[in-house]
């Protein structure tokens, strides 16, 4: 069975919806914590996710460029 990977952004944390770390590897970038209010409910949820397996990775320059190019093509860069 293939391992699943999901990349999440701040909106996934803010949504309040459950994030299941047992069925897949969940990855986010370090900047997510900058968008959360320290001590707030969402920040505490983010900290709990980190403690229970959330992976935090810095994207490579190539990955950032690929995302930007794709966003431009789909109109999601606005």
N, C-alpha and C. Protein backbone atom coordinates (compact mmCIF):
# COMPACT_ATOMS: atom_id res chain seq x y z
N UNK A 1 0.84 -1.18 0.00
CA UNK A 1 0.00 0.00 0.00
C UNK A 1 0.89 1.25 0.00
N UNK A 2 0.56 2.18 -0.88
CA UNK A 2 1.34 3.41 -0.97
C UNK A 2 1.09 4.32 0.23
N UNK A 3 2.14 4.96 0.68
CA UNK A 3 2.03 5.93 1.76
C UNK A 3 1.45 7.22 1.20
N UNK A 4 0.50 7.81 1.91
CA UNK A 4 -0.11 9.07 1.49
C UNK A 4 0.62 10.24 2.12
N UNK A 5 0.73 11.32 1.35
CA UNK A 5 1.32 12.56 1.83
C UNK A 5 0.35 13.69 1.54
N UNK A 6 0.15 14.56 2.51
CA UNK A 6 -0.68 15.74 2.32
C UNK A 6 0.10 16.96 2.76
N UNK A 7 0.06 18.00 1.95
CA UNK A 7 0.68 19.28 2.28
C UNK A 7 -0.44 20.20 2.74
N UNK A 8 -0.32 20.75 3.94
CA UNK A 8 -1.36 21.63 4.45
C UNK A 8 -0.81 23.04 4.67
N UNK A 9 -1.71 24.00 4.60
CA UNK A 9 -1.32 25.38 4.89
C UNK A 9 -2.08 25.84 6.13
N UNK A 10 -1.96 27.10 6.45
CA UNK A 10 -2.57 27.64 7.65
C UNK A 10 -4.08 27.45 7.67
N UNK A 11 -4.71 27.54 6.51
CA UNK A 11 -6.17 27.41 6.48
C UNK A 11 -6.64 26.05 6.99
N UNK A 12 -5.84 25.02 6.81
CA UNK A 12 -6.21 23.70 7.33
C UNK A 12 -6.24 23.70 8.85
N UNK A 13 -5.31 24.42 9.47
CA UNK A 13 -5.28 24.53 10.93
C UNK A 13 -6.47 25.37 11.40
N UNK A 14 -6.69 26.50 10.73
CA UNK A 14 -7.75 27.43 11.13
C UNK A 14 -9.15 26.86 10.91
N UNK A 15 -9.29 25.90 10.02
CA UNK A 15 -10.61 25.34 9.73
C UNK A 15 -11.21 24.62 10.93
N UNK A 16 -10.35 24.11 11.80
CA UNK A 16 -10.83 23.37 12.95
C UNK A 16 -11.24 21.94 12.64
N UNK A 17 -11.13 21.55 11.38
CA UNK A 17 -11.50 20.19 10.99
C UNK A 17 -10.41 19.22 11.45
N UNK A 18 -10.80 17.98 11.74
CA UNK A 18 -9.82 17.00 12.20
C UNK A 18 -8.72 16.75 11.16
N UNK A 19 -7.51 16.63 11.63
CA UNK A 19 -6.37 16.29 10.77
C UNK A 19 -5.82 14.97 11.29
N UNK A 20 -6.01 13.92 10.51
CA UNK A 20 -5.63 12.58 10.92
C UNK A 20 -4.19 12.30 10.53
N UNK A 21 -3.35 12.14 11.53
CA UNK A 21 -1.93 11.90 11.29
C UNK A 21 -1.59 10.41 11.22
N UNK A 22 -2.58 9.55 11.36
CA UNK A 22 -2.29 8.11 11.35
C UNK A 22 -2.38 7.50 9.96
N UNK A 23 -3.18 8.07 9.08
CA UNK A 23 -3.37 7.49 7.75
C UNK A 23 -2.43 8.04 6.69
N UNK A 24 -1.72 9.12 7.02
CA UNK A 24 -0.87 9.77 6.03
C UNK A 24 0.19 10.60 6.73
N UNK A 25 1.20 10.97 5.98
CA UNK A 25 2.19 11.93 6.47
C UNK A 25 1.68 13.31 6.11
N UNK A 26 1.54 14.16 7.12
CA UNK A 26 1.05 15.52 6.92
C UNK A 26 2.25 16.45 7.04
N UNK A 27 2.41 17.30 6.03
CA UNK A 27 3.58 18.19 5.95
C UNK A 27 3.11 19.63 5.83
N UNK A 28 3.84 20.52 6.49
CA UNK A 28 3.59 21.95 6.35
C UNK A 28 4.92 22.68 6.37
N UNK A 29 4.87 23.98 6.14
CA UNK A 29 6.10 24.78 6.13
C UNK A 29 6.25 25.52 7.45
N UNK A 30 7.47 25.96 7.77
CA UNK A 30 7.71 26.66 9.03
C UNK A 30 6.91 27.96 9.16
N UNK A 31 6.54 28.58 8.06
CA UNK A 31 5.83 29.85 8.10
C UNK A 31 4.43 29.77 8.68
N UNK A 32 3.88 28.57 8.76
CA UNK A 32 2.52 28.42 9.30
C UNK A 32 2.44 28.97 10.72
N UNK A 33 3.43 28.68 11.54
CA UNK A 33 3.38 29.15 12.93
C UNK A 33 3.39 30.67 13.01
N UNK A 34 3.98 31.35 12.02
CA UNK A 34 4.00 32.82 12.01
C UNK A 34 2.61 33.41 11.79
N UNK A 35 1.71 32.62 11.22
CA UNK A 35 0.37 33.11 10.91
C UNK A 35 -0.63 32.81 12.03
N UNK A 36 -0.17 32.18 13.09
CA UNK A 36 -1.05 31.83 14.20
C UNK A 36 -0.71 32.68 15.42
N UNK A 37 -1.73 33.02 16.19
CA UNK A 37 -1.56 33.84 17.39
C UNK A 37 -1.02 32.97 18.53
N UNK A 38 0.22 33.21 18.98
CA UNK A 38 0.78 32.40 20.07
C UNK A 38 -0.16 32.40 21.28
N UNK A 39 -0.41 31.21 21.79
CA UNK A 39 -1.29 31.06 22.93
C UNK A 39 -2.74 30.88 22.57
N UNK A 40 -3.08 31.18 21.32
CA UNK A 40 -4.46 31.03 20.88
C UNK A 40 -4.83 29.57 20.64
N UNK A 41 -6.11 29.33 20.47
CA UNK A 41 -6.62 27.97 20.27
C UNK A 41 -5.96 27.30 19.06
N UNK A 42 -5.88 28.02 17.95
CA UNK A 42 -5.31 27.44 16.74
C UNK A 42 -3.82 27.17 16.90
N UNK A 43 -3.12 28.04 17.60
CA UNK A 43 -1.69 27.84 17.85
C UNK A 43 -1.49 26.59 18.71
N UNK A 44 -2.33 26.43 19.73
CA UNK A 44 -2.22 25.25 20.59
C UNK A 44 -2.51 23.97 19.80
N UNK A 45 -3.46 24.05 18.90
CA UNK A 45 -3.77 22.90 18.04
C UNK A 45 -2.57 22.57 17.15
N UNK A 46 -1.94 23.60 16.60
CA UNK A 46 -0.75 23.42 15.78
C UNK A 46 0.37 22.76 16.59
N UNK A 47 0.58 23.22 17.80
CA UNK A 47 1.61 22.64 18.66
C UNK A 47 1.31 21.16 18.94
N UNK A 48 0.04 20.84 19.19
CA UNK A 48 -0.34 19.45 19.42
C UNK A 48 -0.08 18.60 18.18
N UNK A 49 -0.41 19.14 17.02
CA UNK A 49 -0.14 18.41 15.77
C UNK A 49 1.36 18.14 15.61
N UNK A 50 2.19 19.13 15.94
CA UNK A 50 3.65 18.93 15.85
C UNK A 50 4.09 17.82 16.79
N UNK A 51 3.54 17.81 18.00
CA UNK A 51 3.92 16.81 18.99
C UNK A 51 3.47 15.40 18.59
N UNK A 52 2.44 15.31 17.78
CA UNK A 52 1.89 14.00 17.42
C UNK A 52 2.25 13.55 16.01
N UNK A 53 3.15 14.28 15.34
CA UNK A 53 3.65 13.77 14.08
C UNK A 53 3.61 14.68 12.87
N UNK A 54 3.12 15.90 13.01
CA UNK A 54 3.14 16.83 11.88
C UNK A 54 4.59 17.09 11.47
N UNK A 55 4.89 16.96 10.19
CA UNK A 55 6.23 17.18 9.68
C UNK A 55 6.34 18.61 9.16
N UNK A 56 7.38 19.31 9.57
CA UNK A 56 7.60 20.68 9.11
C UNK A 56 8.87 20.70 8.26
N UNK A 57 8.70 21.10 7.00
CA UNK A 57 9.82 21.13 6.06
C UNK A 57 9.86 22.47 5.34
N UNK A 58 11.06 22.94 5.08
CA UNK A 58 11.25 24.14 4.27
C UNK A 58 11.25 23.70 2.80
N UNK A 59 10.36 24.28 2.00
CA UNK A 59 10.33 23.89 0.58
C UNK A 59 11.58 24.36 -0.15
N UNK A 60 11.99 23.58 -1.13
CA UNK A 60 13.15 23.96 -1.93
C UNK A 60 12.77 25.12 -2.85
N UNK A 61 13.75 25.81 -3.36
CA UNK A 61 13.51 26.91 -4.31
C UNK A 61 12.78 26.38 -5.54
N UNK A 62 13.18 25.20 -6.02
CA UNK A 62 12.51 24.60 -7.18
C UNK A 62 11.03 24.33 -6.90
N UNK A 63 10.74 23.83 -5.71
CA UNK A 63 9.35 23.55 -5.35
C UNK A 63 8.53 24.84 -5.31
N UNK A 64 9.10 25.89 -4.75
CA UNK A 64 8.40 27.18 -4.69
C UNK A 64 8.12 27.69 -6.09
N UNK A 65 9.11 27.60 -6.97
CA UNK A 65 8.93 28.06 -8.35
C UNK A 65 7.85 27.25 -9.08
N UNK A 66 7.84 25.94 -8.85
CA UNK A 66 6.83 25.09 -9.48
C UNK A 66 5.43 25.48 -9.02
N UNK A 67 5.28 25.72 -7.72
CA UNK A 67 3.97 26.12 -7.19
C UNK A 67 3.54 27.46 -7.76
N UNK A 68 4.47 28.41 -7.84
CA UNK A 68 4.14 29.73 -8.39
C UNK A 68 3.70 29.62 -9.85
N UNK A 69 4.43 28.83 -10.63
CA UNK A 69 4.09 28.67 -12.05
C UNK A 69 2.72 28.00 -12.21
N UNK A 70 2.46 27.00 -11.41
CA UNK A 70 1.17 26.31 -11.48
C UNK A 70 0.04 27.24 -11.06
N UNK A 71 0.27 28.02 -10.01
CA UNK A 71 -0.75 28.97 -9.54
C UNK A 71 -1.06 30.01 -10.61
N UNK A 72 -0.04 30.45 -11.34
CA UNK A 72 -0.27 31.41 -12.42
C UNK A 72 -1.11 30.79 -13.53
N UNK A 73 -0.82 29.55 -13.86
CA UNK A 73 -1.56 28.86 -14.93
C UNK A 73 -3.03 28.65 -14.56
N UNK A 74 -3.29 28.40 -13.28
CA UNK A 74 -4.66 28.11 -12.85
C UNK A 74 -5.40 29.34 -12.33
N UNK A 75 -4.68 30.47 -12.25
CA UNK A 75 -5.31 31.70 -11.76
C UNK A 75 -5.39 31.79 -10.25
N UNK A 76 -4.67 30.92 -9.56
CA UNK A 76 -4.69 30.92 -8.10
C UNK A 76 -3.64 31.82 -7.47
N UNK A 77 -2.98 32.63 -8.27
CA UNK A 77 -1.94 33.52 -7.76
C UNK A 77 -2.49 34.90 -7.42
N UNK A 78 -3.78 35.06 -7.48
CA UNK A 78 -4.38 36.37 -7.22
C UNK A 78 -4.84 36.51 -5.82
